[in-house]
Amino acid sequence: MRTYKCAFCGATILPGYGIMYVKADGTVLRYCSHKCFVSAVKYGRDPRRLAWVRKARRVQKAK
């Protein structure tokens, strides 16, 4: 089984979970949750500017 990283927050995505988004140019982006998907696609937010993303990345790095 293969695990992926969220394109927005960097969290680990286990097999069978998450959202796979394929852009018109064929690029595949994977998101761990609807929150990450909407923040990236609908609102175009920069993950480096969001406190909850920075906190999640610190937790992932500590593991």
PDB file of N, CA and C in Angstrom:
ATOM      1  N   MET A   1       0.831  -1.179   0.000  1.00  0.00           N
ATOM      2  CA  MET A   1       0.000   0.000   0.000  1.00  0.00           C
ATOM      3  C   MET A   1       0.879   1.247   0.000  1.00  0.00           C
ATOM      4  N   ARG A   2       0.414   2.263  -0.654  1.00  0.00           N
ATOM      5  CA  ARG A   2       1.182   3.494  -0.770  1.00  0.00           C
ATOM      6  C   ARG A   2       0.494   4.614  -0.009  1.00  0.00           C
ATOM      7  N   THR A   3       1.262   5.391   0.712  1.00  0.00           N
ATOM      8  CA  THR A   3       0.722   6.563   1.391  1.00  0.00           C
ATOM      9  C   THR A   3       1.171   7.810   0.639  1.00  0.00           C
ATOM     10  N   TYR A   4       0.378   8.860   0.747  1.00  0.00           N
ATOM     11  CA  TYR A   4       0.660  10.117   0.067  1.00  0.00           C
ATOM     12  C   TYR A   4       0.699  11.242   1.084  1.00  0.00           C
ATOM     13  N   LYS A   5       1.215  12.375   0.653  1.00  0.00           N
ATOM     14  CA  LYS A   5       1.235  13.583   1.479  1.00  0.00           C
ATOM     15  C   LYS A   5       0.192  14.554   0.944  1.00  0.00           C
ATOM     16  N   CYS A   6      -0.479  15.243   1.856  1.00  0.00           N
ATOM     17  CA  CYS A   6      -1.464  16.246   1.471  1.00  0.00           C
ATOM     18  C   CYS A   6      -0.752  17.393   0.755  1.00  0.00           C
ATOM     19  N   ALA A   7      -1.311  17.834  -0.369  1.00  0.00           N
ATOM     20  CA  ALA A   7      -0.710  18.909  -1.147  1.00  0.00           C
ATOM     21  C   ALA A   7      -0.825  20.252  -0.436  1.00  0.00           C
ATOM     22  N   PHE A   8      -1.679  20.352   0.567  1.00  0.00           N
ATOM     23  CA  PHE A   8      -1.878  21.622   1.262  1.00  0.00           C
ATOM     24  C   PHE A   8      -1.171  21.660   2.609  1.00  0.00           C
ATOM     25  N   CYS A   9      -1.453  20.696   3.481  1.00  0.00           N
ATOM     26  CA  CYS A   9      -0.905  20.763   4.846  1.00  0.00           C
ATOM     27  C   CYS A   9       0.248  19.795   5.086  1.00  0.00           C
ATOM     28  N   GLY A  10       0.458  18.840   4.199  1.00  0.00           N
ATOM     29  CA  GLY A  10       1.576  17.921   4.351  1.00  0.00           C
ATOM     30  C   GLY A  10       1.296  16.703   5.216  1.00  0.00           C
ATOM     31  N   ALA A  11       0.059  16.509   5.634  1.00  0.00           N
ATOM     32  CA  ALA A  11      -0.294  15.356   6.464  1.00  0.00           C
ATOM     33  C   ALA A  11      -0.229  14.067   5.647  1.00  0.00           C
ATOM     34  N   THR A  12      -0.013  12.954   6.316  1.00  0.00           N
ATOM     35  CA  THR A  12       0.018  11.649   5.665  1.00  0.00           C
ATOM     36  C   THR A  12      -1.407  11.206   5.355  1.00  0.00           C
ATOM     37  N   ILE A  13      -1.612  10.714   4.129  1.00  0.00           N
ATOM     38  CA  ILE A  13      -2.927  10.224   3.710  1.00  0.00           C
ATOM     39  C   ILE A  13      -2.836   8.713   3.573  1.00  0.00           C
ATOM     40  N   LEU A  14      -3.614   8.001   4.349  1.00  0.00           N
ATOM     41  CA  LEU A  14      -3.640   6.548   4.297  1.00  0.00           C
ATOM     42  C   LEU A  14      -4.449   6.071   3.102  1.00  0.00           C
ATOM     43  N   PRO A  15      -4.209   4.843   2.621  1.00  0.00           N
ATOM     44  CA  PRO A  15      -4.975   4.314   1.488  1.00  0.00           C
ATOM     45  C   PRO A  15      -6.470   4.276   1.791  1.00  0.00           C
ATOM     46  N   GLY A  16      -7.271   4.749   0.847  1.00  0.00           N
ATOM     47  CA  GLY A  16      -8.714   4.753   1.007  1.00  0.00           C
ATOM     48  C   GLY A  16      -9.265   6.025   1.613  1.00  0.00           C
ATOM     49  N   TYR A  17      -8.405   6.973   1.944  1.00  0.00           N
ATOM     50  CA  TYR A  17      -8.842   8.224   2.555  1.00  0.00           C
ATOM     51  C   TYR A  17      -8.438   9.395   1.683  1.00  0.00           C
ATOM     52  N   GLY A  18      -9.023  10.542   1.941  1.00  0.00           N
ATOM     53  CA  GLY A  18      -8.627  11.768   1.277  1.00  0.00           C
ATOM     54  C   GLY A  18      -9.354  12.018  -0.028  1.00  0.00           C
ATOM     55  N   ILE A  19      -8.961  13.106  -0.674  1.00  0.00           N
ATOM     56  CA  ILE A  19      -9.561  13.550  -1.930  1.00  0.00           C
ATOM     57  C   ILE A  19      -8.456  13.640  -2.976  1.00  0.00           C
ATOM     58  N   MET A  20      -8.697  13.049  -4.138  1.00  0.00           N
ATOM     59  CA  MET A  20      -7.763  13.149  -5.245  1.00  0.00           C
ATOM     60  C   MET A  20      -8.359  14.125  -6.256  1.00  0.00           C
ATOM     61  N   TYR A  21      -7.638  15.191  -6.543  1.00  0.00           N
ATOM     62  CA  TYR A  21      -8.091  16.247  -7.455  1.00  0.00           C
ATOM     63  C   TYR A  21      -7.175  16.260  -8.665  1.00  0.00           C
ATOM     64  N   VAL A  22      -7.745  16.079  -9.857  1.00  0.00           N
ATOM     65  CA  VAL A  22      -6.967  16.069 -11.084  1.00  0.00           C
ATOM     66  C   VAL A  22      -7.258  17.350 -11.856  1.00  0.00           C
ATOM     67  N   LYS A  23      -6.237  18.147 -12.075  1.00  0.00           N
ATOM     68  CA  LYS A  23      -6.392  19.404 -12.800  1.00  0.00           C
ATOM     69  C   LYS A  23      -6.480  19.135 -14.293  1.00  0.00           C
ATOM     70  N   ALA A  24      -6.888  20.145 -15.068  1.00  0.00           N
ATOM     71  CA  ALA A  24      -7.072  20.008 -16.509  1.00  0.00           C
ATOM     72  C   ALA A  24      -5.777  19.652 -17.236  1.00  0.00           C
ATOM     73  N   ASP A  25      -4.639  20.044 -16.672  1.00  0.00           N
ATOM     74  CA  ASP A  25      -3.363  19.738 -17.315  1.00  0.00           C
ATOM     75  C   ASP A  25      -2.819  18.360 -16.935  1.00  0.00           C
ATOM     76  N   GLY A  26      -3.572  17.596 -16.126  1.00  0.00           N
ATOM     77  CA  GLY A  26      -3.183  16.249 -15.754  1.00  0.00           C
ATOM     78  C   GLY A  26      -2.464  16.146 -14.424  1.00  0.00           C
ATOM     79  N   THR A  27      -2.216  17.260 -13.755  1.00  0.00           N
ATOM     80  CA  THR A  27      -1.561  17.252 -12.453  1.00  0.00           C
ATOM     81  C   THR A  27      -2.492  16.653 -11.404  1.00  0.00           C
ATOM     82  N   VAL A  28      -1.990  15.731 -10.606  1.00  0.00           N
ATOM     83  CA  VAL A  28      -2.785  15.096  -9.560  1.00  0.00           C
ATOM     84  C   VAL A  28      -2.404  15.699  -8.212  1.00  0.00           C
ATOM     85  N   LEU A  29      -3.394  16.243  -7.514  1.00  0.00           N
ATOM     86  CA  LEU A  29      -3.199  16.794  -6.177  1.00  0.00           C
ATOM     87  C   LEU A  29      -4.035  15.977  -5.207  1.00  0.00           C
ATOM     88  N   ARG A  30      -3.463  15.637  -4.078  1.00  0.00           N
ATOM     89  CA  ARG A  30      -4.168  14.844  -3.073  1.00  0.00           C
ATOM     90  C   ARG A  30      -4.308  15.657  -1.808  1.00  0.00           C
ATOM     91  N   TYR A  31      -5.506  15.631  -1.229  1.00  0.00           N
ATOM     92  CA  TYR A  31      -5.807  16.388  -0.019  1.00  0.00           C
ATOM     93  C   TYR A  31      -6.309  15.446   1.057  1.00  0.00           C
ATOM     94  N   CYS A  32      -5.923  15.716   2.304  1.00  0.00           N
ATOM     95  CA  CYS A  32      -6.287  14.830   3.407  1.00  0.00           C
ATOM     96  C   CYS A  32      -7.720  15.055   3.869  1.00  0.00           C
ATOM     97  N   SER A  33      -8.257  16.258   3.672  1.00  0.00           N
ATOM     98  CA  SER A  33      -9.595  16.565   4.171  1.00  0.00           C
ATOM     99  C   SER A  33     -10.282  17.577   3.263  1.00  0.00           C
ATOM    100  N   HIS A  34     -11.573  17.726   3.485  1.00  0.00           N
ATOM    101  CA  HIS A  34     -12.343  18.723   2.745  1.00  0.00           C
ATOM    102  C   HIS A  34     -11.862  20.121   3.088  1.00  0.00           C
ATOM    103  N   LYS A  35     -11.434  20.325   4.309  1.00  0.00           N
ATOM    104  CA  LYS A  35     -10.932  21.626   4.758  1.00  0.00           C
ATOM    105  C   LYS A  35      -9.713  22.041   3.937  1.00  0.00           C
ATOM    106  N   CYS A  36      -8.783  21.131   3.732  1.00  0.00           N
ATOM    107  CA  CYS A  36      -7.592  21.419   2.928  1.00  0.00           C
ATOM    108  C   CYS A  36      -7.961  21.636   1.464  1.00  0.00           C
ATOM    109  N   PHE A  37      -8.861  20.814   0.949  1.00  0.00           N
ATOM    110  CA  PHE A  37      -9.280  20.918  -0.445  1.00  0.00           C
ATOM    111  C   PHE A  37      -9.911  22.271  -0.748  1.00  0.00           C
ATOM    112  N   VAL A  38     -10.849  22.694   0.079  1.00  0.00           N
ATOM    113  CA  VAL A  38     -11.546  23.963  -0.134  1.00  0.00           C
ATOM    114  C   VAL A  38     -10.591  25.139   0.050  1.00  0.00           C
ATOM    115  N   SER A  39      -9.725  25.068   1.038  1.00  0.00           N
ATOM    116  CA  SER A  39      -8.772  26.152   1.271  1.00  0.00           C
ATOM    117  C   SER A  39      -7.853  26.349   0.070  1.00  0.00           C
ATOM    118  N   ALA A  40      -7.442  25.259  -0.560  1.00  0.00           N
ATOM    119  CA  ALA A  40      -6.525  25.348  -1.683  1.00  0.00           C
ATOM    120  C   ALA A  40      -7.230  25.684  -2.995  1.00  0.00           C
ATOM    121  N   VAL A  41      -8.294  24.970  -3.317  1.00  0.00           N
ATOM    122  CA  VAL A  41      -8.922  25.087  -4.631  1.00  0.00           C
ATOM    123  C   VAL A  41      -9.896  26.254  -4.702  1.00  0.00           C
ATOM    124  N   LYS A  42     -10.825  26.321  -3.767  1.00  0.00           N
ATOM    125  CA  LYS A  42     -11.866  27.344  -3.835  1.00  0.00           C
ATOM    126  C   LYS A  42     -11.350  28.721  -3.423  1.00  0.00           C
ATOM    127  N   TYR A  43     -10.604  28.774  -2.330  1.00  0.00           N
ATOM    128  CA  TYR A  43     -10.174  30.061  -1.794  1.00  0.00           C
ATOM    129  C   TYR A  43      -8.757  30.443  -2.205  1.00  0.00           C
ATOM    130  N   GLY A  44      -7.960  29.509  -2.694  1.00  0.00           N
ATOM    131  CA  GLY A  44      -6.611  29.811  -3.150  1.00  0.00           C
ATOM    132  C   GLY A  44      -5.682  30.290  -2.052  1.00  0.00           C
ATOM    133  N   ARG A  45      -5.854  29.764  -0.858  1.00  0.00           N
ATOM    134  CA  ARG A  45      -5.056  30.205   0.283  1.00  0.00           C
ATOM    135  C   ARG A  45      -3.630  29.673   0.213  1.00  0.00           C
ATOM    136  N   ASP A  46      -2.726  30.409   0.844  1.00  0.00           N
ATOM    137  CA  ASP A  46      -1.330  30.013   0.945  1.00  0.00           C
ATOM    138  C   ASP A  46      -1.156  29.292   2.278  1.00  0.00           C
ATOM    139  N   PRO A  47      -0.782  28.006   2.275  1.00  0.00           N
ATOM    140  CA  PRO A  47      -0.697  27.257   3.532  1.00  0.00           C
ATOM    141  C   PRO A  47       0.349  27.795   4.502  1.00  0.00           C
ATOM    142  N   ARG A  48       1.349  28.500   4.003  1.00  0.00           N
ATOM    143  CA  ARG A  48       2.381  29.039   4.895  1.00  0.00           C
ATOM    144  C   ARG A  48       1.856  30.169   5.776  1.00  0.00           C
ATOM    145  N   ARG A  49       0.727  30.761   5.399  1.00  0.00           N
ATOM    146  CA  ARG A  49       0.179  31.885   6.156  1.00  0.00           C
ATOM    147  C   ARG A  49      -0.895  31.486   7.158  1.00  0.00           C
ATOM    148  N   LEU A  50      -1.229  30.200   7.227  1.00  0.00           N
ATOM    149  CA  LEU A  50      -2.287  29.735   8.114  1.00  0.00           C
ATOM    150  C   LEU A  50      -1.691  29.060   9.345  1.00  0.00           C
ATOM    151  N   ALA A  51      -2.147  29.491  10.513  1.00  0.00           N
ATOM    152  CA  ALA A  51      -1.597  28.977  11.778  1.00  0.00           C
ATOM    153  C   ALA A  51      -1.874  27.491  11.951  1.00  0.00           C
ATOM    154  N   TRP A  52      -3.065  27.023  11.557  1.00  0.00           N
ATOM    155  CA  TRP A  52      -3.395  25.616  11.773  1.00  0.00           C
ATOM    156  C   TRP A  52      -2.546  24.696  10.904  1.00  0.00           C
ATOM    157  N   VAL A  53      -2.107  25.163   9.756  1.00  0.00           N
ATOM    158  CA  VAL A  53      -1.242  24.348   8.903  1.00  0.00           C
ATOM    159  C   VAL A  53       0.159  24.278   9.505  1.00  0.00           C
ATOM    160  N   ARG A  54       0.660  25.405   9.971  1.00  0.00           N
ATOM    161  CA  ARG A  54       1.989  25.413  10.594  1.00  0.00           C
ATOM    162  C   ARG A  54       2.008  24.508  11.813  1.00  0.00           C
ATOM    163  N   LYS A  55       0.938  24.523  12.593  1.00  0.00           N
ATOM    164  CA  LYS A  55       0.865  23.665  13.779  1.00  0.00           C
ATOM    165  C   LYS A  55       0.826  22.191  13.373  1.00  0.00           C
ATOM    166  N   ALA A  56       0.047  21.856  12.348  1.00  0.00           N
ATOM    167  CA  ALA A  56      -0.056  20.468  11.884  1.00  0.00           C
ATOM    168  C   ALA A  56       1.283  19.975  11.351  1.00  0.00           C
ATOM    169  N   ARG A  57       2.021  20.828  10.676  1.00  0.00           N
ATOM    170  CA  ARG A  57       3.326  20.427  10.150  1.00  0.00           C
ATOM    171  C   ARG A  57       4.326  20.193  11.263  1.00  0.00           C
ATOM    172  N   ARG A  58       4.240  20.995  12.340  1.00  0.00           N
ATOM    173  CA  ARG A  58       5.129  20.765  13.485  1.00  0.00           C
ATOM    174  C   ARG A  58       4.843  19.441  14.133  1.00  0.00           C
ATOM    175  N   VAL A  59       3.562  19.076  14.253  1.00  0.00           N
ATOM    176  CA  VAL A  59       3.182  17.798  14.863  1.00  0.00           C
ATOM    177  C   VAL A  59       3.672  16.646  14.004  1.00  0.00           C
ATOM    178  N   GLN A  60       3.520  16.759  12.663  1.00  0.00           N
ATOM    179  CA  GLN A  60       3.983  15.718  11.756  1.00  0.00           C
ATOM    180  C   GLN A  60       5.500  15.560  11.837  1.00  0.00           C
ATOM    181  N   LYS A  61       6.211  16.668  11.959  1.00  0.00           N
ATOM    182  CA  LYS A  61       7.668  16.637  12.011  1.00  0.00           C
ATOM    183  C   LYS A  61       8.169  15.999  13.307  1.00  0.00           C
ATOM    184  N   ALA A  62       7.414  16.180  14.413  1.00  0.00           N
ATOM    185  CA  ALA A  62       7.807  15.635  15.706  1.00  0.00           C
ATOM    186  C   ALA A  62       7.667  14.120  15.757  1.00  0.00           C
ATOM    187  N   LYS A  63       6.801  13.533  14.915  1.00  0.00           N
ATOM    188  CA  LYS A  63       6.567  12.075  14.943  1.00  0.00           C
ATOM    189  C   LYS A  63       7.706  11.299  14.423  1.00  0.00           C
TER     190      LYS A  63
END
